[in-house]
Amino acid sequence: MSDIRIIRSWDSLPPVVSAEGEHYSTRALAKQYMDTRDVAFALLEYIDAIPEEAAASFPAMPGVDRDWVDEVLGKKEKI
């Protein structure tokens, strides 16, 4: 079992990490994380821009819990 470390930023990670025999660039993971976060914020902005009158005619989006999305994106800090 590998050592588990708590880190405070991507810069605290070594340049490469390994898991189950696979090696990952932490810089590539950081970029992918930031890009994914940007996409999520853009989609939320798009959804929020839909006028309420139009949104009322759409069915609810299955599997999307806005509180969960906000929590994952760090809009509601739990720490």
C-alpha atoms as a PDB file:
ATOM      1  CA  MET A   1       0.000   0.000   0.000  1.00  0.00           C
ATOM      2  CA  SER A   2       1.381   3.382  -0.955  1.00  0.00           C
ATOM      3  CA  ASP A   3       1.859   6.399   1.276  1.00  0.00           C
ATOM      4  CA  ILE A   4      -1.072   8.786   1.178  1.00  0.00           C
ATOM      5  CA  ARG A   5      -0.208  12.470   1.503  1.00  0.00           C
ATOM      6  CA  ILE A   6      -2.522  15.413   1.953  1.00  0.00           C
ATOM      7  CA  ILE A   7      -1.456  18.280  -0.277  1.00  0.00           C
ATOM      8  CA  ARG A   8      -2.547  21.881  -0.523  1.00  0.00           C
ATOM      9  CA  SER A   9      -1.941  22.577  -4.223  1.00  0.00           C
ATOM     10  CA  TRP A  10      -1.065  20.938  -7.523  1.00  0.00           C
ATOM     11  CA  ASP A  11       2.415  22.439  -7.160  1.00  0.00           C
ATOM     12  CA  SER A  12       2.956  20.269  -4.073  1.00  0.00           C
ATOM     13  CA  LEU A  13       2.728  17.102  -6.154  1.00  0.00           C
ATOM     14  CA  PRO A  14       5.727  15.470  -7.788  1.00  0.00           C
ATOM     15  CA  PRO A  15       5.814  15.828 -11.604  1.00  0.00           C
ATOM     16  CA  VAL A  16       4.700  12.197 -12.055  1.00  0.00           C
ATOM     17  CA  VAL A  17       2.535   9.967  -9.881  1.00  0.00           C
ATOM     18  CA  SER A  18       1.935   6.240 -10.220  1.00  0.00           C
ATOM     19  CA  ALA A  19      -1.151   4.192  -9.497  1.00  0.00           C
ATOM     20  CA  GLU A  20      -1.603   0.498 -10.237  1.00  0.00           C
ATOM     21  CA  GLY A  21       1.409   0.427 -12.549  1.00  0.00           C
ATOM     22  CA  GLU A  22       0.303   3.470 -14.567  1.00  0.00           C
ATOM     23  CA  HIS A  23       2.197   6.760 -14.547  1.00  0.00           C
ATOM     24  CA  TYR A  24       0.468  10.137 -14.771  1.00  0.00           C
ATOM     25  CA  SER A  25       1.823  13.629 -15.312  1.00  0.00           C
ATOM     26  CA  THR A  26       0.479  15.766 -12.487  1.00  0.00           C
ATOM     27  CA  ARG A  27       0.767  18.870 -14.683  1.00  0.00           C
ATOM     28  CA  ALA A  28      -1.442  17.190 -17.321  1.00  0.00           C
ATOM     29  CA  LEU A  29      -3.899  16.142 -14.607  1.00  0.00           C
ATOM     30  CA  ALA A  30      -3.981  19.702 -13.248  1.00  0.00           C
ATOM     31  CA  LYS A  31      -4.717  21.098 -16.731  1.00  0.00           C
ATOM     32  CA  GLN A  32      -7.417  18.505 -17.331  1.00  0.00           C
ATOM     33  CA  TYR A  33      -8.973  19.351 -13.954  1.00  0.00           C
ATOM     34  CA  MET A  34      -8.977  23.097 -14.688  1.00  0.00           C
ATOM     35  CA  ASP A  35     -10.387  22.576 -18.212  1.00  0.00           C
ATOM     36  CA  THR A  36     -13.147  20.324 -16.860  1.00  0.00           C
ATOM     37  CA  ARG A  37     -13.970  22.892 -14.166  1.00  0.00           C
ATOM     38  CA  ASP A  38     -14.159  25.643 -16.824  1.00  0.00           C
ATOM     39  CA  VAL A  39     -16.535  23.518 -18.903  1.00  0.00           C
ATOM     40  CA  ALA A  40     -18.788  22.899 -15.905  1.00  0.00           C
ATOM     41  CA  PHE A  41     -18.932  26.619 -15.066  1.00  0.00           C
ATOM     42  CA  ALA A  42     -19.708  27.457 -18.712  1.00  0.00           C
ATOM     43  CA  LEU A  43     -22.544  24.932 -18.802  1.00  0.00           C
ATOM     44  CA  LEU A  44     -24.005  26.299 -15.565  1.00  0.00           C
ATOM     45  CA  GLU A  45     -23.792  29.829 -16.970  1.00  0.00           C
ATOM     46  CA  TYR A  46     -25.576  28.649 -20.130  1.00  0.00           C
ATOM     47  CA  ILE A  47     -28.322  26.914 -18.116  1.00  0.00           C
ATOM     48  CA  ASP A  48     -28.774  29.968 -15.882  1.00  0.00           C
ATOM     49  CA  ALA A  49     -29.179  32.204 -18.961  1.00  0.00           C
ATOM     50  CA  ILE A  50     -32.299  30.332 -20.129  1.00  0.00           C
ATOM     51  CA  PRO A  51     -35.312  32.567 -19.390  1.00  0.00           C
ATOM     52  CA  GLU A  52     -37.577  31.211 -16.647  1.00  0.00           C
ATOM     53  CA  GLU A  53     -40.566  31.157 -19.008  1.00  0.00           C
ATOM     54  CA  ALA A  54     -38.705  28.906 -21.432  1.00  0.00           C
ATOM     55  CA  ALA A  55     -37.179  26.762 -18.692  1.00  0.00           C
ATOM     56  CA  ALA A  56     -40.654  26.037 -17.285  1.00  0.00           C
ATOM     57  CA  SER A  57     -41.536  24.229 -20.514  1.00  0.00           C
ATOM     58  CA  PHE A  58     -38.472  21.943 -20.313  1.00  0.00           C
ATOM     59  CA  PRO A  59     -38.565  18.728 -18.317  1.00  0.00           C
ATOM     60  CA  ALA A  60     -36.206  18.545 -15.345  1.00  0.00           C
ATOM     61  CA  MET A  61     -32.664  17.507 -16.225  1.00  0.00           C
ATOM     62  CA  PRO A  62     -32.347  13.944 -14.892  1.00  0.00           C
ATOM     63  CA  GLY A  63     -29.380  13.157 -12.704  1.00  0.00           C
ATOM     64  CA  VAL A  64     -28.369  16.776 -12.100  1.00  0.00           C
ATOM     65  CA  ASP A  65     -28.447  18.057  -8.538  1.00  0.00           C
ATOM     66  CA  ARG A  66     -27.498  21.757  -8.550  1.00  0.00           C
ATOM     67  CA  ASP A  67     -26.396  21.679  -4.888  1.00  0.00           C
ATOM     68  CA  TRP A  68     -24.025  18.802  -5.682  1.00  0.00           C
ATOM     69  CA  VAL A  69     -22.640  20.641  -8.728  1.00  0.00           C
ATOM     70  CA  ASP A  70     -22.052  23.795  -6.654  1.00  0.00           C
ATOM     71  CA  GLU A  71     -20.373  21.761  -3.918  1.00  0.00           C
ATOM     72  CA  VAL A  72     -18.076  19.907  -6.336  1.00  0.00           C
ATOM     73  CA  LEU A  73     -17.104  23.157  -8.060  1.00  0.00           C
ATOM     74  CA  GLY A  74     -16.199  24.676  -4.698  1.00  0.00           C
ATOM     75  CA  LYS A  75     -18.965  27.254  -4.680  1.00  0.00           C
ATOM     76  CA  LYS A  76     -19.923  26.011  -1.215  1.00  0.00           C
ATOM     77  CA  GLU A  77     -16.793  25.421   0.815  1.00  0.00           C
ATOM     78  CA  LYS A  78     -17.116  22.702   3.474  1.00  0.00           C
ATOM     79  CA  ILE A  79     -13.607  23.033   4.896  1.00  0.00           C
END
